[in-house]
């Protein structure tokens, strides 16, 4: 039987990912609890008048309230989220193995945000949202939280990787036989 050898660099990167994700999930949960306690009954409070507000909301849907009006939406999220977390974790391992920093950081952010909102779904049957950005009286992003911000920036990094950095990406030429190939970004 052949032993699988994992490079120390990969182990260190995965430990960094785990610690980073734990810190980000902690910050997400902390901000949600603080705003739950401070703004539960206050309604909306202007931080920057006409632009930035705090407003405690329970969102039973996904980003921007998608599927919040569907009784089966919560069940779908409870099934899909653990599957997605396993897939993201496997991708994180391969990003660490390839020393692909953009993909690695993007996955840490997506995993952290996903875990943060999943904790809310398990505990509250809904996600706590509290940040509102409004321009000209129109909510630009709906009501959101730190986990949503983490997932959004993580997805942006994943898209940057896929479109600009990955071999065969839309704006990157494929490596030829004579080109030096680097795995890191």
Protein backbone atom coordinates (compact mmCIF):
# COMPACT_ATOMS: atom_id res chain seq x y z
CA UNK A 1 0.00 0.00 0.00
CA UNK A 2 1.40 3.34 -1.06
CA UNK A 3 1.52 6.18 1.48
CA UNK A 4 0.12 9.53 0.51
CA UNK A 5 2.61 12.25 1.29
CA UNK A 6 1.32 15.77 1.77
CA UNK A 7 3.87 18.55 1.57
CA UNK A 8 4.33 20.68 4.71
CA UNK A 9 3.56 23.80 2.70
CA UNK A 10 0.10 22.41 1.91
CA UNK A 11 -0.49 21.56 5.58
CA UNK A 12 0.55 25.08 6.61
CA UNK A 13 -1.74 26.62 3.97
CA UNK A 14 -4.67 24.50 5.13
CA UNK A 15 -4.04 25.47 8.75
CA UNK A 16 -3.92 29.13 7.69
CA UNK A 17 -7.21 28.58 5.83
CA UNK A 18 -8.84 26.96 8.85
CA UNK A 19 -7.69 29.69 11.26
CA UNK A 20 -8.65 32.45 8.80
CA UNK A 21 -12.08 30.95 8.21
CA UNK A 22 -12.63 30.51 11.97
CA UNK A 23 -11.75 34.17 12.59
CA UNK A 24 -14.00 35.38 9.76
CA UNK A 25 -16.93 33.21 10.92
CA UNK A 26 -16.42 34.48 14.48
CA UNK A 27 -16.47 38.11 13.27
CA UNK A 28 -19.59 37.43 11.20
CA UNK A 29 -21.41 35.86 14.14
CA UNK A 30 -20.22 38.59 16.52
CA UNK A 31 -21.48 41.39 14.27
CA UNK A 32 -24.83 39.62 13.83
CA UNK A 33 -25.27 39.18 17.59
CA UNK A 34 -24.26 42.78 18.33
CA UNK A 35 -26.73 44.15 15.79
CA UNK A 36 -29.40 41.71 16.89
CA UNK A 37 -29.07 43.00 20.45
CA UNK A 38 -28.76 46.68 19.51
CA UNK A 39 -31.26 46.99 16.68
CA UNK A 40 -33.81 44.19 17.21
CA UNK A 41 -36.62 46.60 18.03
CA UNK A 42 -35.19 49.92 16.78
CA UNK A 43 -35.98 49.56 13.09
CA UNK A 44 -33.60 51.37 10.80
CA UNK A 45 -30.80 53.64 12.00
CA UNK A 46 -28.85 55.95 9.69
CA UNK A 47 -25.08 55.73 10.00
CA UNK A 48 -24.42 58.01 7.02
CA UNK A 49 -27.71 59.79 6.37
CA UNK A 50 -29.23 58.93 3.01
CA UNK A 51 -26.59 56.29 2.20
CA UNK A 52 -25.60 53.78 4.92
CA UNK A 53 -28.03 52.29 7.46
CA UNK A 54 -28.31 49.51 10.02
CA UNK A 55 -31.56 47.58 9.98
CA UNK A 56 -32.08 44.23 11.75
CA UNK A 57 -33.77 41.75 9.42
CA UNK A 58 -34.30 37.99 9.38
CA UNK A 59 -33.92 36.64 5.84
CA UNK A 60 -35.27 33.14 5.24
CA UNK A 61 -34.07 33.23 1.61
CA UNK A 62 -30.64 33.50 0.08
CA UNK A 63 -28.82 36.61 -1.09
CA UNK A 64 -31.14 39.57 -1.54
CA UNK A 65 -34.12 37.56 -0.25
CA UNK A 66 -34.19 35.07 -3.15
CA UNK A 67 -36.60 32.21 -2.28
CA UNK A 68 -37.65 33.88 0.98
CA UNK A 69 -41.27 33.56 -0.06
CA UNK A 70 -40.99 29.79 -0.67
CA UNK A 71 -41.72 27.43 2.22
CA UNK A 72 -39.35 24.82 0.77
CA UNK A 73 -36.47 27.31 0.32
CA UNK A 74 -35.06 26.74 3.80
CA UNK A 75 -35.01 22.96 3.23
CA UNK A 76 -33.11 23.43 -0.04
CA UNK A 77 -30.49 25.58 1.72
CA UNK A 78 -30.10 23.04 4.53
CA UNK A 79 -29.39 20.30 1.96
CA UNK A 80 -27.26 22.22 -0.54
CA UNK A 81 -25.04 24.09 1.92
CA UNK A 82 -23.19 21.07 3.41
CA UNK A 83 -22.68 19.63 -0.09
CA UNK A 84 -21.30 22.97 -1.31
CA UNK A 85 -19.00 23.22 1.74
CA UNK A 86 -17.53 19.79 0.96
CA UNK A 87 -16.97 20.80 -2.68
CA UNK A 88 -15.39 24.14 -1.66
CA UNK A 89 -13.14 22.35 0.85
CA UNK A 90 -11.91 19.88 -1.78
CA UNK A 91 -11.26 22.79 -4.15
CA UNK A 92 -9.39 24.57 -1.34
CA UNK A 93 -7.10 21.56 -0.91
CA UNK A 94 -6.27 21.56 -4.63
CA UNK A 95 -5.75 25.34 -4.63
CA UNK A 96 -3.27 24.87 -1.75
CA UNK A 97 -1.59 22.00 -3.60
CA UNK A 98 -1.18 24.17 -6.70
CA UNK A 99 -0.14 27.17 -4.56
CA UNK A 100 -2.84 29.19 -6.29
CA UNK A 101 -3.25 32.19 -4.01
CA UNK A 102 -6.17 33.94 -5.75
CA UNK A 103 -8.25 30.77 -5.83
CA UNK A 104 -7.18 29.87 -2.27
CA UNK A 105 -8.18 33.24 -0.78
CA UNK A 106 -11.42 33.33 -2.77
CA UNK A 107 -12.38 29.89 -1.46
CA UNK A 108 -11.57 30.85 2.14
CA UNK A 109 -13.89 33.85 1.82
CA UNK A 110 -16.69 31.82 0.22
CA UNK A 111 -16.37 29.03 2.81
CA UNK A 112 -16.35 31.53 5.69
CA UNK A 113 -19.44 33.35 4.46
CA UNK A 114 -21.25 30.10 3.74
CA UNK A 115 -20.51 28.73 7.23
CA UNK A 116 -21.52 32.04 8.87
CA UNK A 117 -24.91 32.08 7.18
CA UNK A 118 -25.41 28.32 7.67
CA UNK A 119 -24.97 28.78 11.43
CA UNK A 120 -27.81 31.32 11.32
CA UNK A 121 -30.03 28.99 9.30
CA UNK A 122 -29.53 26.19 11.82
CA UNK A 123 -29.99 28.46 14.86
CA UNK A 124 -32.70 30.85 13.60
CA UNK A 125 -34.22 29.19 10.52
CA UNK A 126 -33.18 32.45 8.82
CA UNK A 127 -30.08 34.60 8.28
CA UNK A 128 -29.54 37.79 10.27
CA UNK A 129 -28.97 40.75 7.93
CA UNK A 130 -28.34 44.29 9.12
CA UNK A 131 -26.47 46.43 6.56
CA UNK A 132 -28.33 48.64 4.08
CA UNK A 133 -26.75 50.80 1.37
CA UNK A 134 -29.14 53.20 -0.30
CA UNK A 135 -28.55 55.67 -3.13
CA UNK A 136 -31.30 58.09 -4.01
CA UNK A 137 -33.72 56.28 -1.72
CA UNK A 138 -33.16 52.93 -3.47
CA UNK A 139 -31.63 49.93 -1.67
CA UNK A 140 -28.67 48.98 -3.83
CA UNK A 141 -28.00 45.49 -2.42
CA UNK A 142 -31.00 44.77 -0.21
CA UNK A 143 -30.13 44.08 3.43
CA UNK A 144 -26.96 42.03 3.94
CA UNK A 145 -24.33 40.99 6.49
CA UNK A 146 -20.58 40.34 6.77
CA UNK A 147 -20.98 36.73 5.53
CA UNK A 148 -22.62 38.05 2.35
CA UNK A 149 -19.72 40.48 1.86
CA UNK A 150 -17.20 37.64 2.33
CA UNK A 151 -19.01 35.44 -0.20
CA UNK A 152 -19.31 38.29 -2.69
CA UNK A 153 -15.61 39.14 -2.58
CA UNK A 154 -14.74 35.43 -2.64
CA UNK A 155 -16.83 34.89 -5.76
CA UNK A 156 -15.23 37.95 -7.37
CA UNK A 157 -11.78 36.43 -6.71
CA UNK A 158 -12.92 33.07 -8.10
CA UNK A 159 -14.20 34.79 -11.25
CA UNK A 160 -10.97 36.77 -11.63
CA UNK A 161 -9.08 33.49 -11.36
CA UNK A 162 -11.29 31.69 -13.89
CA UNK A 163 -11.45 34.52 -16.41
CA UNK A 164 -8.00 36.09 -16.20
CA UNK A 165 -5.57 33.75 -14.46
CA UNK A 166 -6.53 30.15 -15.28
CA UNK A 167 -4.94 28.60 -18.37
CA UNK A 168 -7.60 28.75 -21.04
CA UNK A 169 -9.41 31.56 -19.23
CA UNK A 170 -11.29 34.04 -21.37
CA UNK A 171 -8.50 36.65 -21.28
CA UNK A 172 -5.45 34.43 -20.88
CA UNK A 173 -3.81 32.52 -23.66
CA UNK A 174 -3.21 28.83 -23.23
CA UNK A 175 0.29 27.76 -22.25
CA UNK A 176 2.33 26.33 -25.09
CA UNK A 177 4.93 23.59 -24.82
CA UNK A 178 7.76 26.12 -24.64
CA UNK A 179 6.06 28.44 -22.15
CA UNK A 180 7.03 28.25 -18.51
CA UNK A 181 4.01 27.22 -16.52
CA UNK A 182 3.51 28.57 -13.03
CA UNK A 183 0.79 27.35 -10.77
CA UNK A 184 0.71 30.32 -8.41
CA UNK A 185 -0.92 33.65 -9.20
